Amino acid sequence: MRFLVTVLCVSTAWGYRFFQDEIPNGDIVPHPCKINHIWRGVGHMNPLGGGSINPFGEDFRKAGMKWNKDLCQMDSDGDGKTNGEELGDPDCVWTKGRAAAVTLGLSHPGVCTPHSDPTCQAANTWVKCDVGNLQCDALLEEGTRNFTVRLPETVVPASVTTYLCLLIDLPSDDDYHLIAVEPVLDNVDVIHHIIMYAMDDSADVDGIPQPCSKYPFKQFATLISGWGVGSSGSCYHKTAGIRVGTHGFKKAILQYHWNNPERRSDYTDSSGLKLYYTPNRRLHDATVLQVGSEYLEIPPGEESVSAESWCSNECTSRYLFGPIYVTRAINHMHHIGRKQSLQQYRKGVWIRNITNDERFEYDAYRPFEYSPPLEILPGDDLKTTCTYRSVGRDKTTFKGDGTGDEMCYVFLSVYPAENVQENSCFSWKSVDLCKILSFSTEFPVIDDCNVKTLLNPFHPDFISLSTNLKKFCKPFDICTQECKYFVRDLLQNNKCFSGETRELYQHMSLKYTTLFAEIWAAIQSCETELEMDTCQEQCDLDNNKKNVIDQE
């Protein structure tokens, strides 16, 4: 009987994933009343699949559980649109394994839409639209206070992806612990996440939302809390809280991510967060440690593609001053993410899975809670593995900030905060970024390249490189003979300009400042000519060998 129950549970959990492949855009069908949510089990009444089936599920079953012209031309939910129109195949020509003709403006073929229309309400009584309320015992504790911070009503740009930042004051009249965060959502059609970073005390709060690029010091800020699609909020562990006030953080920045795939220009938003805090401080100050990958390259049309990243023992040895304890862990990928895990190793031996999400759902918030907390020691290795399914996409997907891009992160709520020197531990391909981004001087050279010196515009190595390129080359123009000689020597003898290290240096230099654009333009102005020279030299060599053979 236990075996049978297990089989039935697995079948229910995974069956809809198979059926997603049988219909166009099957893995991105939107929830009709939870914007930015996906209805995974398209033919079922349960958004996650399994159990009773809806009108489209009935028609899909009658069609032999295959997409065909008859099923495509039906209007299963009676809302005036054919199933093909709702799923992005208006001409009923889609075939399994190919990208659909339309990928935006989709709707659910089994739910009458628009959901709020009076003519649909009778047919949609079974559709559940609530996310749920925040459940947190701390909200009932004596002394708990709260305040709400939100945007002034702001016009949402007609862009697919927009990031906006709002600088705020935190309570500073006493010493407090932040113990819970709850979303206050205005426009659920666009809001994707609100992340809160602690900021420098010197920042001026004016209450005016600004492009996040205005705050260059954000990259050094501490991630302390936030909200994401599918979550009703977060509650800190009963023994720890984020220190704010007299001896803690006094200012913070709210980073808003708006997702507007239809590029509508009539949206506004005034969402925010309700912050709960208490003078009855917990035993420990908490913080957030983020691990994962800063580079992803996922080819299209693949059933399963995995990416691994490490927070290595070298990094944890320098980032952690002592043991830390994990109270909560949250996986984060985007739409094509399917599985994710974070594994802990000590001296090469597997200790545990901190997270192990075999059924990742982008919009289904699922924290891993630990009581008692899990211990991580300096010198431990943390391995993040993310698995993606890119069937239906016709272009390579890279790591990026948009929801159409991908990510591979795990957010760990840990204590004590004083044992965490750096709050992010990432890798870029096979390179530990702690060796570059850390302020430590213990990693001067990586693969025979001193990347740090070349990322510092005031360092003699950078000044020498920049001066010579300006002297010999004409960036964004022609390749001069003297530039070609200099660049050829640079590529052959400087390890910073070859292989993975060159890719990383170019990525980081262009990401953090436009100052480097001219340098790369100068180098690239002659790379084509150098490749042609190499090709000609190889051709000449091959011809010489052929002549020798012919003479013999």
Protein backbone atom coordinates (compact mmCIF):
# COMPACT_ATOMS: atom_id res chain seq x y z
CA MET A 1 0.00 0.00 0.00
CA ARG A 2 2.84 2.45 0.83
CA PHE A 3 4.46 1.66 -2.51
CA LEU A 4 1.16 2.29 -4.31
CA VAL A 5 0.65 5.63 -2.54
CA THR A 6 4.22 6.66 -3.43
CA VAL A 7 3.69 5.78 -7.10
CA LEU A 8 0.41 7.67 -7.22
CA CYS A 9 1.98 10.75 -5.60
CA VAL A 10 4.90 10.76 -8.01
CA SER A 11 2.57 10.25 -10.96
CA THR A 12 0.36 13.13 -9.84
CA ALA A 13 3.32 15.43 -9.18
CA TRP A 14 5.06 14.86 -12.48
CA GLY A 15 2.34 13.87 -14.93
CA TYR A 16 1.47 17.43 -15.95
CA ARG A 17 5.11 18.15 -16.82
CA PHE A 18 4.83 15.50 -19.54
CA PHE A 19 1.56 16.98 -20.83
CA GLN A 20 3.06 20.48 -20.96
CA ASP A 21 5.12 19.26 -23.92
CA GLU A 22 1.97 18.25 -25.80
CA ILE A 23 0.50 21.77 -26.10
CA PRO A 24 2.01 25.08 -27.29
CA ASN A 25 3.50 27.20 -24.48
CA GLY A 26 2.41 24.53 -22.03
CA ASP A 27 4.90 25.57 -19.37
CA ILE A 28 4.11 29.31 -19.36
CA VAL A 29 0.30 29.44 -19.30
CA PRO A 30 -0.56 32.37 -16.99
CA HIS A 31 -2.77 32.16 -13.93
CA PRO A 32 -5.96 34.09 -14.80
CA CYS A 33 -6.11 36.11 -11.56
CA LYS A 34 -2.55 35.99 -10.18
CA ILE A 35 -0.53 38.03 -12.60
CA ASN A 36 3.11 36.85 -12.90
CA HIS A 37 2.03 33.35 -11.75
CA ILE A 38 2.05 30.28 -13.97
CA TRP A 39 -0.71 27.63 -14.10
CA ARG A 40 1.50 24.53 -14.30
CA GLY A 41 -1.22 21.87 -14.55
CA VAL A 42 -3.07 23.45 -17.49
CA GLY A 43 -5.72 20.75 -17.74
CA HIS A 44 -6.35 20.53 -13.98
CA MET A 45 -8.32 22.58 -11.49
CA ASN A 46 -5.26 22.54 -9.24
CA PRO A 47 -2.72 25.04 -10.66
CA LEU A 48 0.09 22.61 -9.78
CA GLY A 49 -1.55 19.66 -11.52
CA GLY A 50 -3.23 16.49 -10.35
CA GLY A 51 -6.78 15.82 -9.22
CA SER A 52 -9.93 17.01 -11.00
CA ILE A 53 -9.66 18.31 -14.54
CA ASN A 54 -11.09 21.53 -15.96
CA PRO A 55 -12.97 22.05 -19.27
CA PHE A 56 -9.77 22.17 -21.31
CA GLY A 57 -8.56 19.02 -19.56
CA GLU A 58 -11.79 17.27 -20.61
CA ASP A 59 -11.31 18.24 -24.26
CA PHE A 60 -7.61 17.37 -24.12
CA ARG A 61 -8.45 13.88 -22.84
CA LYS A 62 -11.05 13.37 -25.59
CA ALA A 63 -8.41 14.38 -28.16
CA GLY A 64 -6.19 11.51 -27.02
CA MET A 65 -4.03 13.88 -24.96
CA LYS A 66 -2.47 15.29 -28.14
CA TRP A 67 -2.63 18.72 -29.75
CA ASN A 68 -4.52 18.63 -33.04
CA LYS A 69 -6.49 21.00 -35.22
CA ASP A 70 -9.86 20.08 -33.69
CA LEU A 71 -8.63 20.73 -30.14
CA CYS A 72 -6.92 23.92 -31.28
CA GLN A 73 -10.12 25.30 -32.82
CA MET A 74 -12.29 24.53 -29.78
CA ASP A 75 -13.24 27.15 -27.19
CA SER A 76 -13.10 24.89 -24.14
CA ASP A 77 -13.85 27.58 -21.56
CA GLY A 78 -16.48 29.45 -23.59
CA ASP A 79 -14.86 32.88 -23.40
CA GLY A 80 -14.90 33.58 -27.12
CA LYS A 81 -11.30 32.62 -27.87
CA THR A 82 -10.16 29.34 -29.39
CA ASN A 83 -7.73 27.18 -27.46
CA GLY A 84 -5.15 27.96 -30.14
CA GLU A 85 -5.59 31.70 -29.73
CA GLU A 86 -5.22 31.40 -25.98
CA LEU A 87 -2.09 29.20 -26.16
CA GLY A 88 -0.26 31.11 -28.88
CA ASP A 89 -1.11 28.92 -31.90
CA PRO A 90 -3.88 30.93 -33.64
CA ASP A 91 -3.36 29.19 -37.00
CA CYS A 92 -3.28 25.69 -35.46
CA VAL A 93 0.07 24.78 -37.04
CA TRP A 94 2.20 24.12 -33.94
CA THR A 95 4.04 20.81 -33.63
CA LYS A 96 5.61 19.29 -30.53
CA GLY A 97 9.14 20.45 -29.73
CA ARG A 98 8.91 23.72 -31.66
CA ALA A 99 8.47 27.25 -30.38
CA ALA A 100 4.93 28.58 -30.67
CA ALA A 101 4.14 31.44 -33.05
CA VAL A 102 3.05 33.68 -30.15
CA THR A 103 4.59 33.70 -26.65
CA LEU A 104 3.11 36.91 -25.19
CA GLY A 105 -0.46 37.78 -24.27
CA LEU A 106 -1.38 34.15 -23.55
CA SER A 107 -4.41 33.09 -21.51
CA HIS A 108 -5.72 29.92 -19.91
CA PRO A 109 -7.81 27.73 -22.29
CA GLY A 110 -9.67 26.12 -19.38
CA VAL A 111 -10.61 29.27 -17.46
CA CYS A 112 -13.07 31.86 -18.75
CA THR A 113 -11.22 35.17 -19.08
CA PRO A 114 -11.08 37.96 -18.22
CA HIS A 115 -11.59 36.38 -14.82
CA SER A 116 -13.28 39.47 -13.35
CA ASP A 117 -15.86 39.70 -16.15
CA PRO A 118 -19.38 39.09 -14.75
CA THR A 119 -20.10 36.62 -17.57
CA CYS A 120 -17.13 34.49 -16.43
CA GLN A 121 -17.66 34.50 -12.69
CA ALA A 122 -20.26 31.73 -12.64
CA ALA A 123 -17.99 29.44 -14.64
CA ASN A 124 -14.94 30.25 -12.51
CA THR A 125 -16.20 29.61 -8.98
CA TRP A 126 -13.59 26.85 -8.61
CA VAL A 127 -10.63 29.16 -9.35
CA LYS A 128 -8.73 30.26 -6.22
CA CYS A 129 -7.09 33.67 -6.42
CA ASP A 130 -5.70 34.28 -2.95
CA VAL A 131 -2.00 33.81 -2.14
CA GLY A 132 -2.61 33.47 1.61
CA ASN A 133 -1.79 35.63 4.61
CA LEU A 134 1.51 35.80 6.43
CA GLN A 135 1.60 33.33 9.31
CA CYS A 136 4.03 34.51 11.97
CA ASP A 137 3.77 34.10 15.74
CA ALA A 138 6.03 37.10 16.23
CA LEU A 139 3.28 39.42 14.98
CA LEU A 140 1.32 38.64 18.14
CA GLU A 141 4.20 39.19 20.56
CA GLU A 142 3.86 42.03 23.03
CA GLY A 143 5.88 45.05 21.97
CA THR A 144 5.89 44.23 18.23
CA ARG A 145 5.54 47.37 16.11
CA ASN A 146 5.22 47.92 12.38
CA PHE A 147 5.41 50.58 9.73
CA THR A 148 4.70 50.54 5.99
CA VAL A 149 6.94 51.96 3.28
CA ARG A 150 5.73 52.16 -0.29
CA LEU A 151 6.29 54.00 -3.53
CA PRO A 152 4.40 57.16 -4.27
CA GLU A 153 2.13 56.34 -7.20
CA THR A 154 4.62 55.93 -10.03
CA VAL A 155 4.19 55.37 -13.76
CA VAL A 156 5.54 51.99 -14.86
CA PRO A 157 7.69 52.34 -18.02
CA ALA A 158 6.52 50.55 -21.16
CA SER A 159 9.52 48.22 -20.97
CA VAL A 160 9.67 44.48 -20.37
CA THR A 161 12.05 44.85 -17.41
CA THR A 162 12.45 47.87 -15.12
CA TYR A 163 14.39 48.23 -11.87
CA LEU A 164 13.62 51.16 -9.60
CA CYS A 165 15.00 52.00 -6.14
CA LEU A 166 13.52 53.86 -3.18
CA LEU A 167 15.72 54.97 -0.28
CA ILE A 168 14.01 54.82 3.14
CA ASP A 169 14.70 55.54 6.80
CA LEU A 170 14.54 52.70 9.31
CA PRO A 171 13.51 53.19 12.96
CA SER A 172 16.54 54.69 14.72
CA ASP A 173 15.25 56.05 18.04
CA ASP A 174 16.24 52.81 19.83
CA ASP A 175 17.82 49.41 19.23
CA TYR A 176 15.47 46.99 17.43
CA HIS A 177 15.29 43.71 15.60
CA LEU A 178 13.43 43.46 12.30
CA ILE A 179 11.45 40.22 12.67
CA ALA A 180 8.99 39.97 9.76
CA VAL A 181 8.19 41.48 6.36
CA GLU A 182 4.82 41.48 4.58
CA PRO A 183 4.08 42.73 1.05
CA VAL A 184 1.68 45.62 0.42
CA LEU A 185 0.86 45.13 -3.25
CA ASP A 186 -0.80 47.74 -5.44
CA ASN A 187 -0.31 46.52 -9.02
CA VAL A 188 0.09 42.74 -9.12
CA ASP A 189 0.08 42.92 -12.93
CA VAL A 190 3.69 44.12 -12.94
CA ILE A 191 5.37 43.73 -9.56
CA HIS A 192 7.88 40.86 -9.60
CA HIS A 193 9.91 41.43 -6.46
CA ILE A 194 10.85 43.98 -3.81
CA ILE A 195 14.26 43.41 -2.24
CA MET A 196 15.53 45.42 0.72
CA TYR A 197 19.20 46.28 1.15
CA ALA A 198 20.76 48.06 4.11
CA MET A 199 22.48 51.21 2.92
CA ASP A 200 25.19 53.64 3.95
CA ASP A 201 24.07 55.94 6.76
CA SER A 202 25.22 58.98 4.79
CA ALA A 203 22.69 58.46 1.98
CA ASP A 204 20.08 61.25 1.70
CA VAL A 205 16.45 60.09 1.87
CA ASP A 206 14.18 62.23 -0.32
CA GLY A 207 11.26 59.84 -0.87
CA ILE A 208 11.68 60.00 -4.64
CA PRO A 209 12.11 56.70 -6.53
CA GLN A 210 15.24 56.68 -8.67
CA PRO A 211 16.88 54.40 -11.25
CA CYS A 212 18.95 51.93 -9.24
CA SER A 213 22.04 52.96 -11.22
CA LYS A 214 22.02 56.20 -9.19
CA TYR A 215 23.30 54.21 -6.22
CA PRO A 216 26.71 52.83 -7.29
CA PHE A 217 27.44 51.73 -3.72
CA LYS A 218 24.49 49.28 -3.90
CA GLN A 219 26.89 46.50 -4.88
CA PHE A 220 28.47 46.80 -1.41
CA ALA A 221 25.14 46.95 0.44
CA THR A 222 23.81 44.13 2.61
CA LEU A 223 20.75 42.20 1.49
CA ILE A 224 18.50 42.00 4.55
CA SER A 225 14.99 41.03 3.40
CA GLY A 226 12.40 41.23 0.65
CA TRP A 227 9.44 39.73 -1.12
CA GLY A 228 9.00 37.75 -4.36
CA VAL A 229 6.11 36.53 -6.49
CA GLY A 230 4.19 33.74 -4.76
CA SER A 231 5.17 34.74 -1.23
CA SER A 232 2.89 36.07 1.50
CA GLY A 233 5.91 37.51 3.33
CA SER A 234 8.66 36.21 5.59
CA CYS A 235 9.12 35.68 9.29
CA TYR A 236 12.55 35.47 10.94
CA HIS A 237 13.62 32.62 13.22
CA LYS A 238 12.58 33.08 16.86
CA THR A 239 16.22 33.35 17.99
CA ALA A 240 17.43 35.96 15.46
CA GLY A 241 16.51 39.25 13.78
CA ILE A 242 18.04 41.97 11.60
CA ARG A 243 19.54 44.67 13.84
CA VAL A 244 18.19 48.14 13.00
CA GLY A 245 18.28 51.40 14.92
CA THR A 246 20.85 52.85 17.29
CA HIS A 247 23.42 50.08 16.88
CA GLY A 248 22.12 48.67 13.59
CA PHE A 249 21.08 49.69 10.08
CA LYS A 250 19.47 53.11 9.89
CA LYS A 251 18.70 53.34 6.19
CA ALA A 252 17.66 50.87 3.53
CA ILE A 253 16.85 50.78 -0.13
CA LEU A 254 13.90 48.98 -1.69
CA GLN A 255 14.70 47.57 -5.11
CA TYR A 256 11.58 47.15 -7.23
CA HIS A 257 11.48 44.87 -10.26
CA TRP A 258 8.60 45.47 -12.65
CA ASN A 259 7.82 42.88 -15.31
CA ASN A 260 5.75 44.36 -18.15
CA PRO A 261 6.03 41.91 -21.09
CA GLU A 262 3.17 43.59 -22.96
CA ARG A 263 4.96 46.94 -22.67
CA ARG A 264 1.79 48.68 -21.55
CA SER A 265 2.08 52.41 -20.88
CA ASP A 266 -1.01 52.80 -18.70
CA TYR A 267 0.30 51.05 -15.57
CA THR A 268 1.12 52.75 -12.28
CA ASP A 269 2.29 51.17 -9.01
CA SER A 270 2.59 52.13 -5.35
CA SER A 271 3.54 48.76 -3.83
CA GLY A 272 5.72 48.43 -0.75
CA LEU A 273 6.52 46.45 2.38
CA LYS A 274 5.11 46.31 5.88
CA LEU A 275 8.03 45.93 8.28
CA TYR A 276 7.59 44.41 11.73
CA TYR A 277 10.18 45.15 14.42
CA THR A 278 10.56 44.84 18.19
CA PRO A 279 12.62 46.35 21.02
CA ASN A 280 12.59 42.88 22.61
CA ARG A 281 15.67 41.79 20.73
CA ARG A 282 16.43 38.15 20.01
CA LEU A 283 19.61 36.31 21.02
CA HIS A 284 21.38 36.84 17.69
CA ASP A 285 21.76 39.37 14.90
CA ALA A 286 20.82 37.76 11.57
CA THR A 287 21.96 38.43 8.02
CA VAL A 288 21.56 36.95 4.55
CA LEU A 289 24.24 34.98 2.69
CA GLN A 290 23.68 34.58 -1.05
CA VAL A 291 25.40 31.83 -3.07
CA GLY A 292 25.14 30.81 -6.71
CA SER A 293 26.33 31.53 -10.23
CA GLU A 294 27.08 34.77 -12.05
CA TYR A 295 27.28 33.05 -15.45
CA LEU A 296 24.67 30.95 -17.25
CA GLU A 297 24.46 29.88 -20.89
CA ILE A 298 21.48 27.62 -21.59
CA PRO A 299 21.06 26.44 -25.20
CA PRO A 300 17.54 26.34 -26.65
CA GLY A 301 15.44 23.23 -27.17
CA GLU A 302 17.01 21.16 -24.39
CA GLU A 303 15.06 18.82 -22.13
CA SER A 304 17.56 19.18 -19.29
CA VAL A 305 20.59 21.46 -18.84
CA SER A 306 22.40 21.72 -15.49
CA ALA A 307 24.72 24.43 -14.21
CA GLU A 308 26.98 24.08 -11.17
CA SER A 309 28.56 26.82 -9.07
CA TRP A 310 30.67 26.80 -5.92
CA CYS A 311 31.23 28.87 -2.84
CA SER A 312 34.55 27.12 -2.29
CA ASN A 313 36.38 26.28 0.92
CA GLU A 314 38.89 29.03 0.07
CA CYS A 315 36.04 31.54 -0.01
CA THR A 316 34.22 30.39 3.14
CA SER A 317 37.56 30.36 4.99
CA ARG A 318 37.91 34.07 4.31
CA TYR A 319 34.27 35.15 4.25
CA LEU A 320 33.33 33.53 7.57
CA PHE A 321 34.96 34.48 10.88
CA GLY A 322 33.38 31.52 12.67
CA PRO A 323 30.45 29.07 12.50
CA ILE A 324 27.16 30.32 11.09
CA TYR A 325 23.72 28.75 11.45
CA VAL A 326 21.15 28.51 8.66
CA THR A 327 17.53 29.05 9.71
CA ARG A 328 16.01 29.37 6.24
CA ALA A 329 17.06 28.74 2.63
CA ILE A 330 15.25 29.86 -0.52
CA ASN A 331 16.04 28.68 -4.05
CA HIS A 332 15.71 31.16 -6.90
CA MET A 333 15.55 30.61 -10.65
CA HIS A 334 13.20 31.93 -13.36
CA HIS A 335 10.66 30.41 -15.76
CA ILE A 336 12.68 27.53 -17.23
CA GLY A 337 14.15 26.43 -13.89
CA ARG A 338 13.13 22.87 -13.01
CA LYS A 339 15.36 21.55 -10.19
CA GLN A 340 17.69 23.20 -7.70
CA SER A 341 19.83 22.06 -4.82
CA LEU A 342 22.45 23.42 -2.45
CA GLN A 343 24.87 20.83 -1.07
CA GLN A 344 27.31 21.23 1.80
CA TYR A 345 30.71 19.50 1.83
CA ARG A 346 33.43 19.39 4.48
CA LYS A 347 36.96 18.31 3.54
CA GLY A 348 35.54 16.85 0.34
CA VAL A 349 32.86 14.79 2.10
CA TRP A 350 29.16 15.46 1.54
CA ILE A 351 27.47 16.62 4.73
CA ARG A 352 23.89 17.38 3.69
CA ASN A 353 21.54 18.95 1.18
CA ILE A 354 20.61 22.36 2.51
CA THR A 355 18.00 22.64 -0.25
CA ASN A 356 16.83 19.96 -2.65
CA ASP A 357 13.95 21.12 -4.83
CA GLU A 358 13.07 18.35 -7.28
CA ARG A 359 10.03 20.27 -8.47
CA PHE A 360 10.97 23.92 -8.61
CA GLU A 361 8.12 26.35 -9.30
CA TYR A 362 9.17 29.90 -10.16
CA ASP A 363 6.08 31.50 -8.65
CA ALA A 364 5.45 29.06 -5.80
CA TYR A 365 7.34 30.37 -2.77
CA ARG A 366 8.89 27.43 -0.93
CA PRO A 367 11.34 28.18 1.88
CA PHE A 368 13.35 25.42 3.56
CA GLU A 369 13.02 26.08 7.30
CA TYR A 370 15.43 24.64 9.89
CA SER A 371 14.93 24.27 13.61
CA PRO A 372 17.40 23.52 14.99
CA PRO A 373 19.47 25.54 12.49
CA LEU A 374 22.12 23.95 10.24
CA GLU A 375 25.78 24.69 10.95
CA ILE A 376 28.22 25.89 8.27
CA LEU A 377 31.91 26.18 9.18
CA PRO A 378 34.71 28.22 7.62
CA GLY A 379 36.37 25.95 5.07
CA ASP A 380 33.14 24.19 4.00
CA ASP A 381 32.25 23.96 0.29
CA LEU A 382 28.77 24.97 -0.87
CA LYS A 383 27.71 23.61 -4.27
CA THR A 384 24.67 25.01 -6.06
CA THR A 385 23.14 22.99 -8.92
CA CYS A 386 20.41 24.43 -11.14
CA THR A 387 18.64 22.42 -13.83
CA TYR A 388 16.72 24.06 -16.68
CA ARG A 389 14.33 22.94 -19.41
CA SER A 390 14.55 25.12 -22.53
CA VAL A 391 12.19 23.17 -24.82
CA GLY A 392 10.12 25.75 -26.72
CA ARG A 393 12.81 28.43 -26.70
CA ASP A 394 14.63 29.23 -29.91
CA LYS A 395 17.44 31.34 -28.47
CA THR A 396 20.18 30.80 -25.90
CA THR A 397 19.20 31.97 -22.41
CA PHE A 398 21.82 33.81 -20.35
CA LYS A 399 22.07 34.96 -16.76
CA GLY A 400 20.26 38.27 -16.45
CA ASP A 401 17.88 40.47 -14.46
CA GLY A 402 14.80 40.06 -16.66
CA THR A 403 12.24 37.30 -16.07
CA GLY A 404 13.00 35.99 -19.58
CA ASP A 405 16.65 35.61 -18.51
CA GLU A 406 17.74 33.08 -15.90
CA MET A 407 19.30 33.03 -12.45
CA CYS A 408 20.79 30.41 -10.13
CA TYR A 409 20.87 31.69 -6.54
CA VAL A 410 20.17 30.44 -3.03
CA PHE A 411 19.38 32.91 -0.24
CA LEU A 412 20.40 31.75 3.24
CA SER A 413 19.10 33.42 6.42
CA VAL A 414 21.92 32.94 8.92
CA TYR A 415 23.25 34.04 12.30
CA PRO A 416 25.37 35.41 13.92
CA ALA A 417 25.81 38.32 11.52
CA GLU A 418 29.19 39.22 13.02
CA ASN A 419 30.67 35.98 11.63
CA VAL A 420 29.86 36.95 8.03
CA GLN A 421 32.38 39.26 6.36
CA GLU A 422 30.91 39.15 2.83
CA ASN A 423 27.24 38.51 2.06
CA SER A 424 27.59 36.99 -1.41
CA CYS A 425 29.72 34.08 -2.54
CA PHE A 426 29.50 33.41 -6.29
CA SER A 427 31.42 31.69 -9.05
CA TRP A 428 31.73 32.73 -12.69
CA LYS A 429 32.19 29.57 -14.76
CA SER A 430 35.07 27.87 -12.94
CA VAL A 431 36.43 31.02 -11.24
CA ASP A 432 35.74 31.80 -7.56
CA LEU A 433 34.63 35.42 -7.62
CA CYS A 434 35.67 35.83 -3.99
CA LYS A 435 39.24 35.94 -5.30
CA ILE A 436 38.40 39.06 -7.28
CA LEU A 437 35.55 40.80 -5.52
CA SER A 438 36.89 40.31 -2.00
CA PHE A 439 38.84 43.18 -0.47
CA SER A 440 41.36 40.59 0.70
CA THR A 441 44.87 40.77 -0.79
CA GLU A 442 45.42 37.03 -0.40
CA PHE A 443 44.43 36.32 -4.01
CA PRO A 444 46.72 38.56 -6.08
CA VAL A 445 46.88 36.25 -9.11
CA ILE A 446 44.31 33.94 -10.74
CA ASP A 447 45.53 31.68 -13.55
CA ASP A 448 48.64 33.88 -13.94
CA CYS A 449 46.48 36.99 -14.29
CA ASN A 450 46.27 39.78 -11.75
CA VAL A 451 42.69 40.74 -12.59
CA LYS A 452 42.39 43.06 -9.61
CA THR A 453 45.07 45.42 -10.85
CA LEU A 454 43.43 45.64 -14.28
CA LEU A 455 40.06 46.44 -12.71
CA ASN A 456 41.57 49.40 -10.85
CA PRO A 457 41.84 52.50 -13.12
CA PHE A 458 44.42 53.99 -10.77
CA HIS A 459 46.76 51.01 -10.67
CA PRO A 460 50.06 51.30 -12.66
CA ASP A 461 49.26 48.09 -14.61
CA PHE A 462 45.96 49.50 -15.83
CA ILE A 463 47.45 52.93 -16.57
CA SER A 464 50.26 51.35 -18.62
CA LEU A 465 47.81 49.20 -20.61
CA SER A 466 45.46 52.12 -21.25
CA THR A 467 48.29 54.50 -22.20
CA ASN A 468 49.82 52.11 -24.75
CA LEU A 469 46.48 51.23 -26.35
CA LYS A 470 45.70 54.92 -26.76
CA LYS A 471 49.19 55.49 -28.14
CA PHE A 472 49.17 52.70 -30.73
CA CYS A 473 45.49 52.13 -31.55
CA LYS A 474 42.42 53.87 -32.91
CA PRO A 475 39.44 52.45 -31.02
CA PHE A 476 36.18 52.11 -33.01
CA ASP A 477 38.23 52.74 -36.16
CA ILE A 478 40.93 51.01 -38.24
CA CYS A 479 43.62 48.56 -37.14
CA THR A 480 47.00 50.28 -37.43
CA GLN A 481 50.16 48.25 -37.92
CA GLU A 482 51.64 49.33 -34.58
CA CYS A 483 48.36 48.47 -32.80
CA LYS A 484 48.35 45.01 -34.35
CA TYR A 485 51.86 44.31 -33.08
CA PHE A 486 51.01 45.54 -29.58
CA VAL A 487 47.72 43.60 -29.37
CA ARG A 488 49.36 40.43 -30.70
CA ASP A 489 52.00 40.61 -27.97
CA LEU A 490 49.28 41.31 -25.39
CA LEU A 491 47.19 38.30 -26.42
CA GLN A 492 50.18 35.96 -26.53
CA ASN A 493 51.92 36.98 -23.31
CA ASN A 494 49.33 38.40 -20.91
CA LYS A 495 47.19 35.66 -19.33
CA CYS A 496 44.47 38.18 -18.56
CA PHE A 497 43.64 38.23 -22.27
CA SER A 498 43.19 34.54 -22.98
CA GLY A 499 40.65 31.84 -22.18
CA GLU A 500 38.12 32.05 -19.36
CA THR A 501 40.10 34.72 -17.54
CA ARG A 502 39.78 37.08 -20.50
CA GLU A 503 36.01 36.45 -20.65
CA LEU A 504 35.68 37.20 -16.95
CA TYR A 505 37.84 40.33 -17.09
CA GLN A 506 35.92 41.67 -20.07
CA HIS A 507 32.58 40.90 -18.43
CA MET A 508 33.46 42.55 -15.14
CA SER A 509 35.21 45.57 -16.61
CA LEU A 510 32.32 46.41 -18.90
CA LYS A 511 29.72 45.68 -16.21
CA TYR A 512 31.05 48.07 -13.61
CA THR A 513 32.22 51.04 -15.67
CA THR A 514 32.13 52.36 -19.23
CA LEU A 515 35.75 53.45 -18.81
CA PHE A 516 36.84 50.07 -20.17
CA ALA A 517 34.80 50.26 -23.39
CA GLU A 518 37.57 52.13 -25.22
CA ILE A 519 40.18 49.60 -24.12
CA TRP A 520 38.21 46.65 -25.47
CA ALA A 521 37.37 48.55 -28.64
CA ALA A 522 41.10 49.14 -29.20
CA ILE A 523 41.93 45.47 -28.68
CA GLN A 524 39.09 44.23 -30.84
CA SER A 525 39.94 46.66 -33.65
CA CYS A 526 42.87 44.38 -34.56
CA GLU A 527 41.70 40.92 -33.52
CA THR A 528 40.08 40.19 -36.89
CA GLU A 529 43.29 41.07 -38.73
CA LEU A 530 45.32 38.92 -36.34
CA GLU A 531 42.99 35.97 -36.93
CA MET A 532 43.35 36.45 -40.69
CA ASP A 533 47.14 36.56 -40.32
CA THR A 534 47.07 33.35 -38.29
CA CYS A 535 44.88 31.69 -40.91
CA GLN A 536 47.23 32.80 -43.70
CA GLU A 537 50.27 31.57 -41.76
CA GLN A 538 48.60 28.18 -41.31
CA CYS A 539 47.72 28.04 -45.01
CA ASP A 540 51.32 28.90 -45.96
CA LEU A 541 52.60 26.24 -43.58
CA ASP A 542 50.26 23.63 -45.06
CA ASN A 543 51.31 24.57 -48.58
CA ASN A 544 54.99 24.29 -47.68
CA LYS A 545 54.42 20.84 -46.22
CA LYS A 546 52.56 19.82 -49.36
CA ASN A 547 55.39 21.07 -51.58
CA VAL A 548 57.96 19.12 -49.56
CA ILE A 549 55.89 15.96 -49.86
CA ASP A 550 55.44 16.49 -53.59
CA GLN A 551 59.19 16.98 -54.05
CA GLU A 552 59.92 13.81 -52.13
